[in-house]
Protein backbone atom coordinates (compact mmCIF):
# COMPACT_ATOMS: atom_id res chain seq x y z
CA MET A 1 26.55 8.87 10.43
CA LYS A 2 26.84 5.34 11.91
CA PHE A 3 23.89 2.98 13.39
CA GLN A 4 26.23 0.67 15.69
CA ASN A 5 25.34 -3.01 16.88
CA VAL A 6 21.70 -2.77 15.41
CA HIS A 7 19.62 -5.55 14.54
CA ILE A 8 18.76 -5.43 11.25
CA ILE A 9 15.92 -7.44 9.34
CA ASP A 10 15.14 -7.11 5.64
CA ASP A 11 13.60 -9.78 2.94
CA THR A 12 16.88 -11.68 3.36
CA LEU A 13 19.24 -10.37 6.11
CA ASP A 14 18.67 -10.98 10.06
CA ALA A 15 21.60 -10.11 11.88
CA LEU A 16 23.69 -7.86 13.97
CA ALA A 17 25.26 -4.95 12.18
CA ASN A 18 26.97 -1.68 11.72
CA LEU A 19 25.91 0.74 9.27
CA VAL A 20 27.67 3.81 7.91
CA VAL A 21 25.31 6.55 6.43
CA GLU A 22 26.61 9.63 4.27
CA ASN A 23 24.61 11.92 2.20
CA GLY A 24 21.58 9.91 2.93
CA LEU A 25 22.69 6.31 1.58
CA ILE A 26 23.92 3.30 3.12
CA GLN A 27 27.71 3.49 2.33
CA GLU A 28 28.80 0.32 4.63
CA ILE A 29 27.28 -2.53 6.17
CA GLU A 30 29.30 -4.80 8.59
CA ILE A 31 27.75 -8.02 9.62
CA LEU A 32 28.78 -8.47 13.13
CA ASP A 33 29.26 -11.85 15.01
CA GLY A 34 26.71 -13.41 17.43
CA ARG A 35 22.63 -13.32 17.81
CA PRO A 36 20.83 -10.08 18.32
CA ASP A 37 19.43 -9.59 22.04
CA PRO A 38 15.85 -10.28 21.63
CA ALA A 39 14.70 -7.35 23.93
CA GLN A 40 16.18 -4.91 21.49
CA PRO A 41 14.37 -3.04 18.96
CA VAL A 42 15.08 -4.19 15.30
CA LEU A 43 15.52 -1.90 12.51
CA LEU A 44 13.80 -2.43 9.00
CA PRO A 45 13.51 -0.74 5.74
CA ALA A 46 11.01 1.86 6.10
CA PHE A 47 7.90 0.71 4.49
CA THR A 48 6.41 1.64 0.99
CA ASP A 49 2.56 2.56 0.59
CA LEU A 50 1.45 1.73 -3.17
CA HIS A 51 -2.21 2.45 -2.27
CA ALA A 52 -3.08 5.45 0.22
CA HIS A 53 -5.64 8.50 0.14
CA PHE A 54 -4.53 12.04 1.18
CA ARG A 55 -7.54 13.76 0.13
CA ASP A 56 -5.82 16.80 -1.02
CA PRO A 57 -6.88 18.81 -3.01
CA GLY A 58 -10.51 19.11 -2.17
CA PHE A 59 -11.18 17.02 0.76
CA THR A 60 -8.64 18.34 3.26
CA TYR A 61 -11.17 18.42 5.84
CA LYS A 62 -10.36 14.38 5.93
CA GLU A 63 -6.69 14.82 5.34
CA ASP A 64 -4.35 17.11 3.67
CA VAL A 65 -0.60 16.48 2.49
CA VAL A 66 1.00 17.61 5.87
CA SER A 67 -1.42 15.61 8.19
CA GLY A 68 -1.06 12.54 5.71
CA SER A 69 2.65 12.64 5.60
CA ARG A 70 2.60 12.89 9.29
CA ALA A 71 0.51 9.64 9.70
CA ALA A 72 2.53 8.21 7.16
CA VAL A 73 5.54 8.28 9.23
CA ARG A 74 3.88 7.48 12.21
CA GLY A 75 3.24 4.32 10.58
CA GLY A 76 6.78 3.59 9.40
CA TYR A 77 6.36 4.78 5.88
CA THR A 78 8.52 7.08 3.79
CA ALA A 79 7.33 6.73 0.55
CA VAL A 80 3.49 6.60 -0.69
CA ASN A 81 1.41 6.09 -3.85
CA LEU A 82 -1.71 8.63 -3.84
CA MET A 83 -4.82 7.59 -5.74
CA PRO A 84 -6.07 10.28 -7.88
CA ASN A 85 -10.03 10.67 -6.84
CA THR A 86 -9.69 14.11 -5.26
CA LEU A 87 -11.62 17.27 -6.34
CA PRO A 88 -10.65 17.74 -8.76
CA VAL A 89 -9.77 14.49 -9.97
CA VAL A 90 -5.96 14.07 -10.92
CA SER A 91 -6.04 13.69 -15.08
CA SER A 92 -2.89 15.20 -15.92
CA VAL A 93 0.80 15.02 -15.40
CA ALA A 94 0.77 18.88 -14.34
CA GLN A 95 -2.04 18.16 -11.59
CA ALA A 96 0.07 15.29 -10.38
CA ARG A 97 3.54 16.98 -10.10
CA GLU A 98 1.85 19.75 -8.33
CA VAL A 99 0.80 17.42 -5.41
CA GLU A 100 4.06 15.88 -5.35
CA ASP A 101 5.86 19.40 -4.95
CA ARG A 102 4.04 20.32 -2.06
CA ILE A 103 4.54 17.00 -0.25
CA ALA A 104 8.30 17.36 -1.41
CA ALA A 105 8.68 20.44 0.28
CA LEU A 106 7.47 19.50 3.65
CA ASN A 107 10.55 17.09 3.45
CA ILE A 108 8.95 14.21 5.42
CA ILE A 109 8.14 11.50 2.87
CA HIS A 110 8.34 10.61 -0.74
CA ALA A 111 5.14 10.38 -2.65
CA ASN A 112 4.07 9.56 -6.09
CA GLN A 113 0.75 10.74 -7.52
CA VAL A 114 -1.25 8.57 -9.63
CA VAL A 115 -3.09 9.78 -12.52
CA SER A 116 -6.71 8.70 -13.51
CA MET A 117 -6.94 6.16 -16.31
CA THR A 118 -10.41 7.66 -17.48
CA LEU A 119 -10.79 11.48 -17.63
CA ASN A 120 -12.15 12.83 -14.15
CA GLU A 121 -12.83 9.00 -13.30
CA GLN A 122 -15.84 8.84 -15.38
CA GLY A 123 -15.14 5.56 -16.99
CA GLN A 124 -15.86 6.86 -20.61
CA ASP A 125 -12.60 8.52 -21.90
CA CYS A 126 -9.43 7.46 -21.73
CA SER A 127 -7.88 9.60 -24.63
CA HIS A 128 -5.92 12.12 -22.05
CA LEU A 129 -3.76 9.16 -21.67
CA ARG A 130 -2.45 9.45 -25.06
CA SER A 131 -0.91 12.84 -24.48
CA ILE A 132 1.26 11.63 -21.78
CA PRO A 133 4.76 10.75 -22.96
CA ALA A 134 5.87 7.27 -22.30
CA GLY A 135 7.53 6.48 -19.16
CA THR A 136 6.54 9.64 -17.69
CA ILE A 137 4.32 8.19 -14.93
CA PRO A 138 4.43 4.72 -13.21
CA PHE A 139 0.81 4.22 -12.51
CA VAL A 140 -2.81 5.11 -13.75
CA SER A 141 -5.97 3.97 -11.64
CA ASP A 142 -9.73 4.93 -11.20
CA ASP A 143 -9.23 3.65 -7.71
CA GLY A 144 -12.61 3.96 -5.92
CA LYS A 145 -14.43 2.93 -9.16
CA GLY A 146 -14.22 -0.12 -11.71
CA VAL A 147 -14.06 0.95 -15.38
CA ASN A 148 -17.57 -1.02 -16.32
CA ARG A 149 -17.23 -0.17 -20.23
CA ASP A 150 -15.21 -3.36 -21.62
CA ASP A 151 -14.19 -1.24 -24.74
CA VAL A 152 -12.96 1.49 -22.51
CA MET A 153 -10.78 -0.97 -20.48
CA GLU A 154 -9.34 -2.67 -23.54
CA GLU A 155 -8.01 0.73 -24.89
CA ILE A 156 -6.60 1.41 -21.44
CA PHE A 157 -4.69 -1.53 -21.66
CA ASN A 158 -3.57 -0.79 -25.00
CA ILE A 159 -2.09 2.49 -23.99
CA CYS A 160 -0.66 1.48 -20.91
CA LYS A 161 1.42 -1.31 -22.76
CA GLU A 162 2.69 0.90 -25.44
CA LYS A 163 3.47 3.75 -22.92
CA ASP A 164 4.68 1.40 -20.14
CA PHE A 165 1.89 2.74 -17.46
CA LEU A 166 0.98 0.15 -14.90
CA ILE A 167 -2.60 -0.09 -14.43
CA MET A 168 -3.72 -0.31 -10.60
CA ALA A 169 -7.44 -1.54 -10.92
CA HIS A 170 -10.11 -1.25 -8.35
CA GLU A 171 -12.24 -4.24 -9.27
CA GLU A 172 -15.78 -3.62 -9.13
CA ASP A 173 -18.55 -4.20 -11.31
CA ALA A 174 -21.26 -1.64 -10.74
CA ARG A 175 -24.22 -3.69 -12.11
CA TYR A 176 -23.54 -6.05 -9.09
CA SER A 177 -22.54 -3.78 -6.41
CA PRO A 178 -26.24 -3.18 -5.12
CA GLN A 179 -26.94 -6.67 -4.53
CA ASP A 180 -23.51 -8.62 -4.37
CA LEU A 181 -20.15 -7.11 -3.78
CA ARG A 182 -18.65 -10.45 -3.90
CA MET A 183 -19.64 -10.83 -7.51
CA ALA A 184 -18.56 -7.44 -8.25
CA GLU A 185 -15.14 -7.90 -7.32
CA ASN A 186 -14.88 -11.33 -8.78
CA ALA A 187 -16.68 -10.45 -12.19
CA MET A 188 -14.47 -7.40 -13.01
CA THR A 189 -11.47 -9.40 -11.78
CA PHE A 190 -12.18 -12.34 -14.51
CA ARG A 191 -12.95 -9.75 -17.47
CA ASP A 192 -9.85 -7.35 -16.53
CA LEU A 193 -7.68 -11.23 -16.55
CA LYS A 194 -9.03 -11.96 -20.13
CA LEU A 195 -8.10 -8.36 -21.31
CA CYS A 196 -4.74 -8.56 -19.73
CA GLU A 197 -4.31 -12.07 -21.70
CA LYS A 198 -5.98 -10.47 -25.09
CA THR A 199 -3.76 -7.21 -25.22
CA GLY A 200 -0.66 -8.73 -23.56
CA GLY A 201 -0.44 -5.71 -21.22
CA SER A 202 -0.16 -5.77 -17.39
CA ILE A 203 -2.18 -4.82 -14.30
CA HIS A 204 -1.95 -4.55 -10.78
CA PHE A 205 -5.23 -5.83 -8.89
CA CYS A 206 -5.84 -3.36 -5.65
CA HIS A 207 -7.12 -4.51 -2.19
CA VAL A 208 -8.03 -7.90 -3.56
CA SER A 209 -10.25 -9.64 -0.86
CA THR A 210 -11.68 -12.68 -2.11
CA ILE A 211 -10.75 -16.34 -2.58
CA GLU A 212 -12.10 -16.51 -6.11
CA ALA A 213 -10.28 -13.21 -7.28
CA ILE A 214 -6.99 -14.40 -5.49
CA THR A 215 -7.33 -18.11 -6.96
CA ALA A 216 -7.76 -16.57 -10.50
CA ILE A 217 -4.88 -14.34 -10.13
CA ALA A 218 -2.40 -17.23 -9.01
CA GLU A 219 -3.87 -19.01 -12.15
CA ALA A 220 -2.93 -16.07 -14.43
CA LYS A 221 0.64 -15.65 -12.81
CA ALA A 222 1.21 -19.58 -13.55
CA LYS A 223 0.01 -18.88 -17.00
CA GLY A 224 2.47 -16.14 -17.22
CA LEU A 225 0.31 -13.02 -17.61
CA ARG A 226 1.93 -9.82 -16.50
CA VAL A 227 -0.12 -9.46 -13.44
CA SER A 228 0.46 -8.40 -9.48
CA CYS A 229 -1.74 -7.80 -6.65
CA GLU A 230 -2.03 -6.10 -3.30
CA VAL A 231 -3.70 -7.12 -0.14
CA CYS A 232 -4.68 -4.77 2.73
CA PRO A 233 -4.11 -5.52 6.40
CA HIS A 234 -7.51 -4.81 7.49
CA HIS A 235 -8.86 -7.61 5.24
CA ILE A 236 -6.42 -10.14 6.86
CA TYR A 237 -7.20 -9.31 10.22
CA PHE A 238 -10.88 -9.28 10.82
CA ASN A 239 -13.51 -11.12 9.28
CA ALA A 240 -16.90 -9.36 8.83
CA GLU A 241 -18.38 -10.20 11.61
CA GLN A 242 -15.31 -9.22 13.85
CA ALA A 243 -15.05 -5.94 12.01
CA ASN A 244 -19.16 -5.57 12.86
CA TYR A 245 -19.70 -5.05 9.23
CA TYR A 246 -17.67 -1.79 9.01
CA ARG A 247 -17.86 -0.06 5.90
CA VAL A 248 -14.69 -0.31 3.36
CA ALA A 249 -14.59 -1.22 -0.61
CA PRO A 250 -14.16 -3.92 -0.83
CA PRO A 251 -16.20 -5.18 2.31
CA PHE A 252 -14.45 -7.29 5.05
CA ARG A 253 -15.12 -10.80 4.10
CA LYS A 254 -15.15 -14.51 5.27
CA ASP A 255 -12.46 -16.57 7.02
CA GLU A 256 -12.26 -18.69 3.98
CA ASP A 257 -11.49 -15.65 1.83
CA ILE A 258 -8.60 -14.56 4.65
CA GLU A 259 -7.01 -17.87 4.60
CA ALA A 260 -6.81 -18.03 0.92
CA LEU A 261 -5.09 -14.22 1.19
CA ILE A 262 -2.87 -15.60 3.51
CA LYS A 263 -1.86 -18.60 1.32
CA GLY A 264 -1.39 -16.19 -1.53
CA MET A 265 1.13 -14.20 0.60
CA GLN A 266 2.98 -17.49 1.40
CA ASP A 267 3.31 -18.91 -1.85
CA GLY A 268 4.16 -15.70 -3.78
CA THR A 269 0.67 -14.69 -5.47
CA VAL A 270 0.48 -11.54 -3.49
CA ASP A 271 3.30 -8.86 -4.17
CA ALA A 272 2.58 -6.20 -1.86
CA ILE A 273 0.49 -5.39 1.34
CA SER A 274 -0.99 -1.82 0.72
CA THR A 275 -2.69 -0.04 3.43
CA ASP A 276 -5.82 1.69 1.24
CA HIS A 277 -5.53 4.54 3.93
CA ALA A 278 -8.87 6.18 3.32
CA PRO A 279 -9.24 8.94 6.10
CA HIS A 280 -13.10 10.12 6.70
CA THR A 281 -14.73 12.53 9.23
CA PRO A 282 -17.02 10.84 11.60
CA GLU A 283 -19.92 12.61 10.06
CA ASP A 284 -19.04 10.88 6.75
CA LYS A 285 -18.65 7.55 8.00
CA ALA A 286 -22.05 7.87 9.76
CA ASN A 287 -23.53 8.90 6.27
CA GLY A 288 -22.08 5.47 5.03
CA ALA A 289 -18.56 6.36 3.57
CA ASN A 290 -16.35 3.42 2.90
CA GLY A 291 -12.83 3.49 4.11
CA ILE A 292 -10.45 3.02 7.03
CA SER A 293 -7.34 5.13 8.28
CA GLY A 294 -4.80 2.69 7.98
CA ILE A 295 -1.23 3.81 7.29
CA GLU A 296 -0.75 4.29 11.46
CA THR A 297 -1.81 0.60 12.15
CA ALA A 298 -0.90 -1.38 9.40
CA PHE A 299 2.46 -2.85 10.51
CA ALA A 300 1.27 -3.87 13.85
CA LEU A 301 -1.81 -5.40 12.53
CA CYS A 302 0.22 -7.43 10.04
CA TYR A 303 2.88 -8.17 12.33
CA THR A 304 0.59 -9.54 15.03
CA LYS A 305 -1.64 -11.65 12.71
CA LEU A 306 0.82 -12.93 10.13
CA VAL A 307 4.39 -13.13 11.91
CA ARG A 308 3.17 -13.77 15.69
CA GLY A 309 0.39 -15.58 14.26
CA GLY A 310 3.04 -18.19 12.44
CA HIS A 311 2.04 -17.74 8.96
CA LEU A 312 4.95 -15.55 7.54
CA THR A 313 8.46 -14.73 8.59
CA LEU A 314 9.19 -10.94 9.40
CA ASN A 315 11.43 -11.58 6.44
CA GLN A 316 8.41 -12.38 4.40
CA LEU A 317 6.71 -9.50 5.67
CA VAL A 318 9.37 -7.02 4.86
CA LYS A 319 9.23 -8.02 1.09
CA LEU A 320 5.68 -7.33 1.24
CA MET A 321 5.60 -3.94 3.01
CA SER A 322 8.85 -2.53 1.70
CA THR A 323 11.33 -4.34 -0.91
CA THR A 324 8.70 -4.90 -3.21
CA PRO A 325 6.40 -2.18 -3.23
CA SER A 326 9.57 0.12 -3.49
CA ALA A 327 10.87 -1.66 -6.33
CA MET A 328 7.52 -1.37 -7.95
CA MET A 329 7.56 2.31 -7.07
CA ARG A 330 11.19 2.39 -8.87
CA LEU A 331 12.68 3.61 -5.80
CA ASN A 332 16.03 3.05 -4.45
CA LYS A 333 15.11 1.53 -0.86
CA GLY A 334 13.50 -1.26 0.67
CA ALA A 335 16.58 -3.31 1.71
CA PHE A 336 19.86 -3.06 3.41
CA LYS A 337 22.09 -2.81 0.51
CA VAL A 338 25.21 -0.20 0.04
CA GLY A 339 24.15 2.25 -2.08
CA MET A 340 20.55 2.02 -1.24
CA LYS A 341 18.71 5.40 0.51
CA ALA A 342 18.98 5.35 4.46
CA ASP A 343 15.45 4.77 5.04
CA PHE A 344 14.63 2.87 7.97
CA VAL A 345 12.08 2.12 10.65
CA LYS A 346 12.58 1.27 14.22
CA VAL A 347 10.30 -1.02 15.94
CA ASP A 348 9.55 -2.80 19.23
CA LEU A 349 8.11 -6.38 18.79
CA ASN A 350 8.29 -7.38 22.32
CA GLU A 351 5.75 -5.09 24.30
CA PRO A 352 2.14 -4.78 23.30
CA TYR A 353 0.25 -1.75 22.91
CA ILE A 354 -3.58 -0.60 22.52
CA ILE A 355 -4.65 1.07 19.22
CA ARG A 356 -6.24 4.26 19.99
CA ALA A 357 -7.78 6.30 17.15
CA GLU A 358 -7.11 9.61 19.09
CA GLU A 359 -3.36 9.19 19.03
CA PHE A 360 -3.45 9.08 15.24
CA ALA A 361 -1.74 12.00 13.36
CA SER A 362 -3.95 11.38 10.62
CA ARG A 363 -7.12 13.62 10.65
CA GLY A 364 -8.97 10.69 9.89
CA LYS A 365 -9.71 8.58 13.19
CA ASN A 366 -11.93 6.01 11.39
CA THR A 367 -10.73 2.55 12.46
CA PRO A 368 -12.32 -0.82 13.44
CA PHE A 369 -9.50 -1.66 15.41
CA GLU A 370 -9.91 0.70 18.16
CA GLY A 371 -8.95 -1.11 21.76
CA GLN A 372 -7.25 -3.85 19.97
CA GLN A 373 -4.01 -5.19 21.63
CA VAL A 374 -1.28 -5.55 18.75
CA TRP A 375 2.50 -5.90 18.82
CA GLY A 376 5.12 -3.90 16.19
CA ASN A 377 5.01 -0.73 17.92
CA VAL A 378 6.77 2.01 15.76
CA LEU A 379 9.46 3.69 17.61
CA GLU A 380 11.35 5.60 14.96
CA THR A 381 11.32 6.37 11.25
CA ILE A 382 14.27 7.44 9.38
CA ARG A 383 14.30 8.85 6.08
CA GLU A 384 17.81 9.28 4.22
CA GLY A 385 19.38 9.00 7.60
CA GLN A 386 17.35 11.81 9.17
CA THR A 387 14.86 11.20 11.73
CA VAL A 388 11.43 12.05 10.63
CA TYR A 389 9.22 10.41 13.55
CA GLN A 390 10.15 9.55 16.75
CA ALA A 391 7.39 8.22 19.41
């Protein structure tokens, strides 16, 4: 298969090229003379989402592996990292493999199922991690909940250091949640940075949203601590007032927080942009459920706010949405290099479109961005050389 005279952009390239794909891999890349036609679509490495919820098993009325996979490729994603707060909670490798196998059978996307870092996400017992062989799984997380017991969290750090599991932490101290969600995020972030330093372990901070947290993470990185972090498209696109205080966890923040997150993307503090795709029914949202169906709007929101807004180059955005998260998931994708998987997304950067939740492939139509005009429409998603979505 050949892709001829295509405009390719990854974390380092921006060029016209011919690509040869065989057996799902990039076999040849020929960089052509001349500049691309600005009117033609752009081919990017397909995106990788470090943080998504497909609600399967147990909450399939919100989403399942079929609708979630279709939503992912509609958003330009060919790989996702799924959080374990399902029913039952995924607390074993066997449970994780069952979810992964069902998604693999669909042959639409690649998925990794994260295992909970406390048993059933109850925050009290992490002994199940000791039975998992070293290197078997890449990530553990209690996403949706913070681990409030300091002794348990320290034990998690020590186990994960020994077994090469990366902690993905939802930072929310439940003592502060009822009255101060900013303090809840900041307090647990500060604690876990101290534990990271004490144990010599590593941690990835999920959906960072405050100026205090991103500043502390930047300082920790400067000290050489093994930390990484992600931000979410919704947290950088709208402040709380613009979002009409739409319920997400952590919540929409202030302009000063958005500015700090953008600075963190510019200076390398932020490693990845993740969606925290969290589909809900209208009834659940009306009853106060936190979450946004975000995997289908992520690129357009980020391209519109960050690239068209003059904060990042498209190369930098690709690094945050594809190159680095792919590497963190240990995947052979995320850039235009010979030998890498031919996972691409074709996008239209020129014509704006209006976000309409009724058009989502996800079962979750929950978004505060209904009617928002954005740029960066996904035209086609290609996985291992085969089209898995076409607009």
